[in-house]
Amino acid sequence: MNNFDYEWIVNERGILLDPEFDSDSLGWKGGDYFKLVNVNGRQYLVRQDKLIKFIKDGELFLHKSVDKL
């Protein structure tokens, strides 16, 4: 799928997607995790499994809990 009419803002904090971009059509949900990988010299965002999201959320919870001690 090639999309030429989208305008995205990219900076060191992230990527702001075009309002017309329909992430629902790809099955993406708020809170999904993506990993940036290099494929033959090109950058590629790969959505991570829901188990990875569960583990990462748990890590964040543990770090916050330890910081309160």
PDB file of N, CA and C in Angstrom:
ATOM      1  N   MET A   1       0.852  -1.166   0.000  1.00  0.00           N
ATOM      2  CA  MET A   1       0.000   0.000   0.000  1.00  0.00           C
ATOM      3  C   MET A   1       0.899   1.230   0.000  1.00  0.00           C
ATOM      4  N   ASN A   2       0.830   2.004  -1.055  1.00  0.00           N
ATOM      5  CA  ASN A   2       1.569   3.259  -1.146  1.00  0.00           C
ATOM      6  C   ASN A   2       0.616   4.417  -0.889  1.00  0.00           C
ATOM      7  N   ASN A   3       1.023   5.322  -0.026  1.00  0.00           N
ATOM      8  CA  ASN A   3       0.207   6.477   0.320  1.00  0.00           C
ATOM      9  C   ASN A   3       1.028   7.728   0.076  1.00  0.00           C
ATOM     10  N   PHE A   4       0.649   8.507  -0.916  1.00  0.00           N
ATOM     11  CA  PHE A   4       1.430   9.673  -1.295  1.00  0.00           C
ATOM     12  C   PHE A   4       0.811  10.985  -0.827  1.00  0.00           C
ATOM     13  N   ASP A   5      -0.443  10.982  -0.466  1.00  0.00           N
ATOM     14  CA  ASP A   5      -1.122  12.227  -0.131  1.00  0.00           C
ATOM     15  C   ASP A   5      -1.142  12.531   1.353  1.00  0.00           C
ATOM     16  N   TYR A   6      -0.488  11.729   2.167  1.00  0.00           N
ATOM     17  CA  TYR A   6      -0.474  11.970   3.604  1.00  0.00           C
ATOM     18  C   TYR A   6       0.657  12.924   3.977  1.00  0.00           C
ATOM     19  N   GLU A   7       0.384  13.772   4.960  1.00  0.00           N
ATOM     20  CA  GLU A   7       1.415  14.649   5.510  1.00  0.00           C
ATOM     21  C   GLU A   7       1.645  14.247   6.952  1.00  0.00           C
ATOM     22  N   TRP A   8       2.847  13.813   7.266  1.00  0.00           N
ATOM     23  CA  TRP A   8       3.196  13.382   8.611  1.00  0.00           C
ATOM     24  C   TRP A   8       4.252  14.308   9.174  1.00  0.00           C
ATOM     25  N   ILE A   9       4.212  14.528  10.466  1.00  0.00           N
ATOM     26  CA  ILE A   9       5.237  15.322  11.143  1.00  0.00           C
ATOM     27  C   ILE A   9       6.124  14.339  11.898  1.00  0.00           C
ATOM     28  N   VAL A  10       7.416  14.391  11.612  1.00  0.00           N
ATOM     29  CA  VAL A  10       8.371  13.476  12.223  1.00  0.00           C
ATOM     30  C   VAL A  10       9.400  14.297  12.988  1.00  0.00           C
ATOM     31  N   ASN A  11       9.592  13.948  14.266  1.00  0.00           N
ATOM     32  CA  ASN A  11      10.652  14.588  15.053  1.00  0.00           C
ATOM     33  C   ASN A  11      11.213  13.566  16.037  1.00  0.00           C
ATOM     34  N   GLU A  12      12.095  14.007  16.926  1.00  0.00           N
ATOM     35  CA  GLU A  12      12.765  13.075  17.836  1.00  0.00           C
ATOM     36  C   GLU A  12      11.805  12.417  18.836  1.00  0.00           C
ATOM     37  N   ARG A  13      10.639  12.974  19.040  1.00  0.00           N
ATOM     38  CA  ARG A  13       9.669  12.414  19.991  1.00  0.00           C
ATOM     39  C   ARG A  13       8.747  11.394  19.354  1.00  0.00           C
ATOM     40  N   GLY A  14       8.544  11.466  18.044  1.00  0.00           N
ATOM     41  CA  GLY A  14       7.643  10.512  17.410  1.00  0.00           C
ATOM     42  C   GLY A  14       7.177  10.960  16.042  1.00  0.00           C
ATOM     43  N   ILE A  15       6.109  10.341  15.590  1.00  0.00           N
ATOM     44  CA  ILE A  15       5.523  10.616  14.283  1.00  0.00           C
ATOM     45  C   ILE A  15       4.064  10.995  14.494  1.00  0.00           C
ATOM     46  N   LEU A  16       3.681  12.164  14.032  1.00  0.00           N
ATOM     47  CA  LEU A  16       2.291  12.604  14.093  1.00  0.00           C
ATOM     48  C   LEU A  16       1.657  12.252  12.748  1.00  0.00           C
ATOM     49  N   LEU A  17       0.700  11.334  12.789  1.00  0.00           N
ATOM     50  CA  LEU A  17       0.090  10.851  11.554  1.00  0.00           C
ATOM     51  C   LEU A  17      -0.924  11.842  11.007  1.00  0.00           C
ATOM     52  N   ASP A  18      -1.120  11.797   9.709  1.00  0.00           N
ATOM     53  CA  ASP A  18      -2.103  12.627   9.029  1.00  0.00           C
ATOM     54  C   ASP A  18      -3.498  12.289   9.558  1.00  0.00           C
ATOM     55  N   PRO A  19      -4.360  13.306   9.756  1.00  0.00           N
ATOM     56  CA  PRO A  19      -5.712  13.037  10.260  1.00  0.00           C
ATOM     57  C   PRO A  19      -6.521  12.083   9.374  1.00  0.00           C
ATOM     58  N   GLU A  20      -6.209  12.035   8.096  1.00  0.00           N
ATOM     59  CA  GLU A  20      -6.946  11.159   7.180  1.00  0.00           C
ATOM     60  C   GLU A  20      -6.441   9.713   7.198  1.00  0.00           C
ATOM     61  N   PHE A  21      -5.303   9.473   7.832  1.00  0.00           N
ATOM     62  CA  PHE A  21      -4.749   8.124   7.898  1.00  0.00           C
ATOM     63  C   PHE A  21      -5.662   7.248   8.750  1.00  0.00           C
ATOM     64  N   ASP A  22      -6.123   6.127   8.214  1.00  0.00           N
ATOM     65  CA  ASP A  22      -7.072   5.260   8.899  1.00  0.00           C
ATOM     66  C   ASP A  22      -6.359   4.045   9.489  1.00  0.00           C
ATOM     67  N   SER A  23      -5.876   4.191  10.721  1.00  0.00           N
ATOM     68  CA  SER A  23      -5.168   3.084  11.368  1.00  0.00           C
ATOM     69  C   SER A  23      -6.122   1.946  11.718  1.00  0.00           C
ATOM     70  N   ASP A  24      -7.412   2.239  11.862  1.00  0.00           N
ATOM     71  CA  ASP A  24      -8.393   1.190  12.150  1.00  0.00           C
ATOM     72  C   ASP A  24      -8.449   0.154  11.025  1.00  0.00           C
ATOM     73  N   SER A  25      -8.247   0.605   9.792  1.00  0.00           N
ATOM     74  CA  SER A  25      -8.299  -0.326   8.662  1.00  0.00           C
ATOM     75  C   SER A  25      -7.144  -1.331   8.710  1.00  0.00           C
ATOM     76  N   LEU A  26      -6.092  -1.002   9.484  1.00  0.00           N
ATOM     77  CA  LEU A  26      -4.955  -1.908   9.642  1.00  0.00           C
ATOM     78  C   LEU A  26      -5.076  -2.751  10.907  1.00  0.00           C
ATOM     79  N   GLY A  27      -6.117  -2.485  11.697  1.00  0.00           N
ATOM     80  CA  GLY A  27      -6.281  -3.213  12.947  1.00  0.00           C
ATOM     81  C   GLY A  27      -5.453  -2.654  14.086  1.00  0.00           C
ATOM     82  N   TRP A  28      -4.872  -1.463  13.903  1.00  0.00           N
ATOM     83  CA  TRP A  28      -4.082  -0.835  14.959  1.00  0.00           C
ATOM     84  C   TRP A  28      -5.014  -0.253  16.010  1.00  0.00           C
ATOM     85  N   LYS A  29      -4.599  -0.353  17.272  1.00  0.00           N
ATOM     86  CA  LYS A  29      -5.368   0.176  18.390  1.00  0.00           C
ATOM     87  C   LYS A  29      -4.463   1.087  19.229  1.00  0.00           C
ATOM     88  N   GLY A  30      -5.082   2.014  19.948  1.00  0.00           N
ATOM     89  CA  GLY A  30      -4.325   2.840  20.870  1.00  0.00           C
ATOM     90  C   GLY A  30      -3.617   1.962  21.885  1.00  0.00           C
ATOM     91  N   GLY A  31      -2.349   2.231  22.153  1.00  0.00           N
ATOM     92  CA  GLY A  31      -1.577   1.428  23.098  1.00  0.00           C
ATOM     93  C   GLY A  31      -0.772   0.325  22.451  1.00  0.00           C
ATOM     94  N   ASP A  32      -0.936   0.106  21.130  1.00  0.00           N
ATOM     95  CA  ASP A  32      -0.117  -0.894  20.440  1.00  0.00           C
ATOM     96  C   ASP A  32       1.353  -0.503  20.538  1.00  0.00           C
ATOM     97  N   TYR A  33       2.216  -1.513  20.564  1.00  0.00           N
ATOM     98  CA  TYR A  33       3.658  -1.294  20.576  1.00  0.00           C
ATOM     99  C   TYR A  33       4.229  -1.601  19.201  1.00  0.00           C
ATOM    100  N   PHE A  34       5.176  -0.767  18.777  1.00  0.00           N
ATOM    101  CA  PHE A  34       5.870  -0.965  17.507  1.00  0.00           C
ATOM    102  C   PHE A  34       7.366  -0.959  17.758  1.00  0.00           C
ATOM    103  N   LYS A  35       8.070  -1.741  16.992  1.00  0.00           N
ATOM    104  CA  LYS A  35       9.524  -1.815  17.079  1.00  0.00           C
ATOM    105  C   LYS A  35      10.107  -1.319  15.767  1.00  0.00           C
ATOM    106  N   LEU A  36      11.099  -0.446  15.851  1.00  0.00           N
ATOM    107  CA  LEU A  36      11.769   0.063  14.661  1.00  0.00           C
ATOM    108  C   LEU A  36      12.887  -0.901  14.291  1.00  0.00           C
ATOM    109  N   VAL A  37      12.817  -1.468  13.089  1.00  0.00           N
ATOM    110  CA  VAL A  37      13.828  -2.417  12.624  1.00  0.00           C
ATOM    111  C   VAL A  37      14.388  -1.947  11.284  1.00  0.00           C
ATOM    112  N   ASN A  38      15.561  -2.449  10.968  1.00  0.00           N
ATOM    113  CA  ASN A  38      16.208  -2.132   9.701  1.00  0.00           C
ATOM    114  C   ASN A  38      16.073  -3.335   8.779  1.00  0.00           C
ATOM    115  N   VAL A  39      15.448  -3.134   7.617  1.00  0.00           N
ATOM    116  CA  VAL A  39      15.269  -4.199   6.637  1.00  0.00           C
ATOM    117  C   VAL A  39      15.935  -3.758   5.343  1.00  0.00           C
ATOM    118  N   ASN A  40      17.063  -4.382   5.030  1.00  0.00           N
ATOM    119  CA  ASN A  40      17.810  -4.057   3.806  1.00  0.00           C
ATOM    120  C   ASN A  40      18.073  -2.556   3.670  1.00  0.00           C
ATOM    121  N   GLY A  41      18.481  -1.939   4.778  1.00  0.00           N
ATOM    122  CA  GLY A  41      18.833  -0.523   4.758  1.00  0.00           C
ATOM    123  C   GLY A  41      17.652   0.434   4.871  1.00  0.00           C
ATOM    124  N   ARG A  42      16.448  -0.082   5.051  1.00  0.00           N
ATOM    125  CA  ARG A  42      15.256   0.772   5.195  1.00  0.00           C
ATOM    126  C   ARG A  42      14.683   0.604   6.592  1.00  0.00           C
ATOM    127  N   GLN A  43      14.177   1.699   7.142  1.00  0.00           N
ATOM    128  CA  GLN A  43      13.551   1.664   8.456  1.00  0.00           C
ATOM    129  C   GLN A  43      12.127   1.140   8.319  1.00  0.00           C
ATOM    130  N   TYR A  44      11.714   0.288   9.270  1.00  0.00           N
ATOM    131  CA  TYR A  44      10.423  -0.368   9.196  1.00  0.00           C
ATOM    132  C   TYR A  44       9.851  -0.477  10.602  1.00  0.00           C
ATOM    133  N   LEU A  45       8.605  -0.022  10.788  1.00  0.00           N
ATOM    134  CA  LEU A  45       7.928  -0.174  12.071  1.00  0.00           C
ATOM    135  C   LEU A  45       7.132  -1.471  12.054  1.00  0.00           C
ATOM    136  N   VAL A  46       7.403  -2.332  13.028  1.00  0.00           N
ATOM    137  CA  VAL A  46       6.747  -3.635  13.106  1.00  0.00           C
ATOM    138  C   VAL A  46       5.911  -3.667  14.381  1.00  0.00           C
ATOM    139  N   ARG A  47       4.613  -3.916  14.241  1.00  0.00           N
ATOM    140  CA  ARG A  47       3.749  -3.999  15.415  1.00  0.00           C
ATOM    141  C   ARG A  47       4.099  -5.248  16.208  1.00  0.00           C
ATOM    142  N   GLN A  48       4.209  -5.080  17.519  1.00  0.00           N
ATOM    143  CA  GLN A  48       4.593  -6.170  18.399  1.00  0.00           C
ATOM    144  C   GLN A  48       3.362  -6.936  18.892  1.00  0.00           C
ATOM    145  N   ASP A  49       3.571  -8.170  19.240  1.00  0.00           N
ATOM    146  CA  ASP A  49       2.524  -9.042  19.751  1.00  0.00           C
ATOM    147  C   ASP A  49       1.924  -8.466  21.040  1.00  0.00           C
ATOM    148  N   LYS A  50       0.661  -8.779  21.304  1.00  0.00           N
ATOM    149  CA  LYS A  50      -0.010  -8.277  22.510  1.00  0.00           C
ATOM    150  C   LYS A  50       0.669  -8.765  23.782  1.00  0.00           C
ATOM    151  N   LEU A  51       1.355  -9.898  23.736  1.00  0.00           N
ATOM    152  CA  LEU A  51       2.090 -10.378  24.898  1.00  0.00           C
ATOM    153  C   LEU A  51       3.226  -9.414  25.233  1.00  0.00           C
ATOM    154  N   ILE A  52       3.884  -8.873  24.210  1.00  0.00           N
ATOM    155  CA  ILE A  52       4.949  -7.888  24.433  1.00  0.00           C
ATOM    156  C   ILE A  52       4.370  -6.661  25.120  1.00  0.00           C
ATOM    157  N   LYS A  53       3.187  -6.208  24.684  1.00  0.00           N
ATOM    158  CA  LYS A  53       2.536  -5.066  25.318  1.00  0.00           C
ATOM    159  C   LYS A  53       2.280  -5.355  26.789  1.00  0.00           C
ATOM    160  N   PHE A  54       1.774  -6.531  27.088  1.00  0.00           N
ATOM    161  CA  PHE A  54       1.492  -6.921  28.467  1.00  0.00           C
ATOM    162  C   PHE A  54       2.772  -6.886  29.309  1.00  0.00           C
ATOM    163  N   ILE A  55       3.853  -7.425  28.772  1.00  0.00           N
ATOM    164  CA  ILE A  55       5.132  -7.461  29.495  1.00  0.00           C
ATOM    165  C   ILE A  55       5.665  -6.045  29.708  1.00  0.00           C
ATOM    166  N   LYS A  56       5.634  -5.221  28.662  1.00  0.00           N
ATOM    167  CA  LYS A  56       6.140  -3.850  28.770  1.00  0.00           C
ATOM    168  C   LYS A  56       5.317  -3.028  29.753  1.00  0.00           C
ATOM    169  N   ASP A  57       4.003  -3.187  29.739  1.00  0.00           N
ATOM    170  CA  ASP A  57       3.155  -2.480  30.701  1.00  0.00           C
ATOM    171  C   ASP A  57       3.498  -2.919  32.124  1.00  0.00           C
ATOM    172  N   GLY A  58       3.750  -4.205  32.322  1.00  0.00           N
ATOM    173  CA  GLY A  58       4.136  -4.720  33.635  1.00  0.00           C
ATOM    174  C   GLY A  58       5.461  -4.159  34.097  1.00  0.00           C
ATOM    175  N   GLU A  59       6.427  -4.032  33.174  1.00  0.00           N
ATOM    176  CA  GLU A  59       7.724  -3.441  33.514  1.00  0.00           C
ATOM    177  C   GLU A  59       7.548  -2.005  33.982  1.00  0.00           C
ATOM    178  N   LEU A  60       6.731  -1.240  33.278  1.00  0.00           N
ATOM    179  CA  LEU A  60       6.481   0.148  33.642  1.00  0.00           C
ATOM    180  C   LEU A  60       5.849   0.227  35.026  1.00  0.00           C
ATOM    181  N   PHE A  61       4.886  -0.641  35.307  1.00  0.00           N
ATOM    182  CA  PHE A  61       4.237  -0.673  36.615  1.00  0.00           C
ATOM    183  C   PHE A  61       5.256  -0.975  37.710  1.00  0.00           C
ATOM    184  N   LEU A  62       6.133  -1.955  37.474  1.00  0.00           N
ATOM    185  CA  LEU A  62       7.141  -2.309  38.464  1.00  0.00           C
ATOM    186  C   LEU A  62       8.110  -1.163  38.724  1.00  0.00           C
ATOM    187  N   HIS A  63       8.546  -0.485  37.662  1.00  0.00           N
ATOM    188  CA  HIS A  63       9.469   0.651  37.830  1.00  0.00           C
ATOM    189  C   HIS A  63       8.824   1.755  38.655  1.00  0.00           C
ATOM    190  N   LYS A  64       7.564   2.040  38.390  1.00  0.00           N
ATOM    191  CA  LYS A  64       6.858   3.085  39.159  1.00  0.00           C
ATOM    192  C   LYS A  64       6.699   2.675  40.602  1.00  0.00           C
ATOM    193  N   SER A  65       6.436   1.389  40.852  1.00  0.00           N
ATOM    194  CA  SER A  65       6.265   0.883  42.220  1.00  0.00           C
ATOM    195  C   SER A  65       7.575   0.956  42.996  1.00  0.00           C
ATOM    196  N   VAL A  66       8.674   0.614  42.358  1.00  0.00           N
ATOM    197  CA  VAL A  66       9.986   0.632  43.011  1.00  0.00           C
ATOM    198  C   VAL A  66      10.386   2.078  43.315  1.00  0.00           C
ATOM    199  N   ASP A  67      10.067   3.005  42.409  1.00  0.00           N
ATOM    200  CA  ASP A  67      10.419   4.406  42.628  1.00  0.00           C
ATOM    201  C   ASP A  67       9.721   4.992  43.851  1.00  0.00           C
ATOM    202  N   LYS A  68       8.565   4.435  44.225  1.00  0.00           N
ATOM    203  CA  LYS A  68       7.811   4.952  45.377  1.00  0.00           C
ATOM    204  C   LYS A  68       8.384   4.456  46.703  1.00  0.00           C
ATOM    205  N   LEU A  69       9.212   3.409  46.656  1.00  0.00           N
ATOM    206  CA  LEU A  69       9.767   2.828  47.907  1.00  0.00           C
ATOM    207  C   LEU A  69      10.776   3.732  48.545  1.00  0.00           C
TER     208      LEU A  69
END
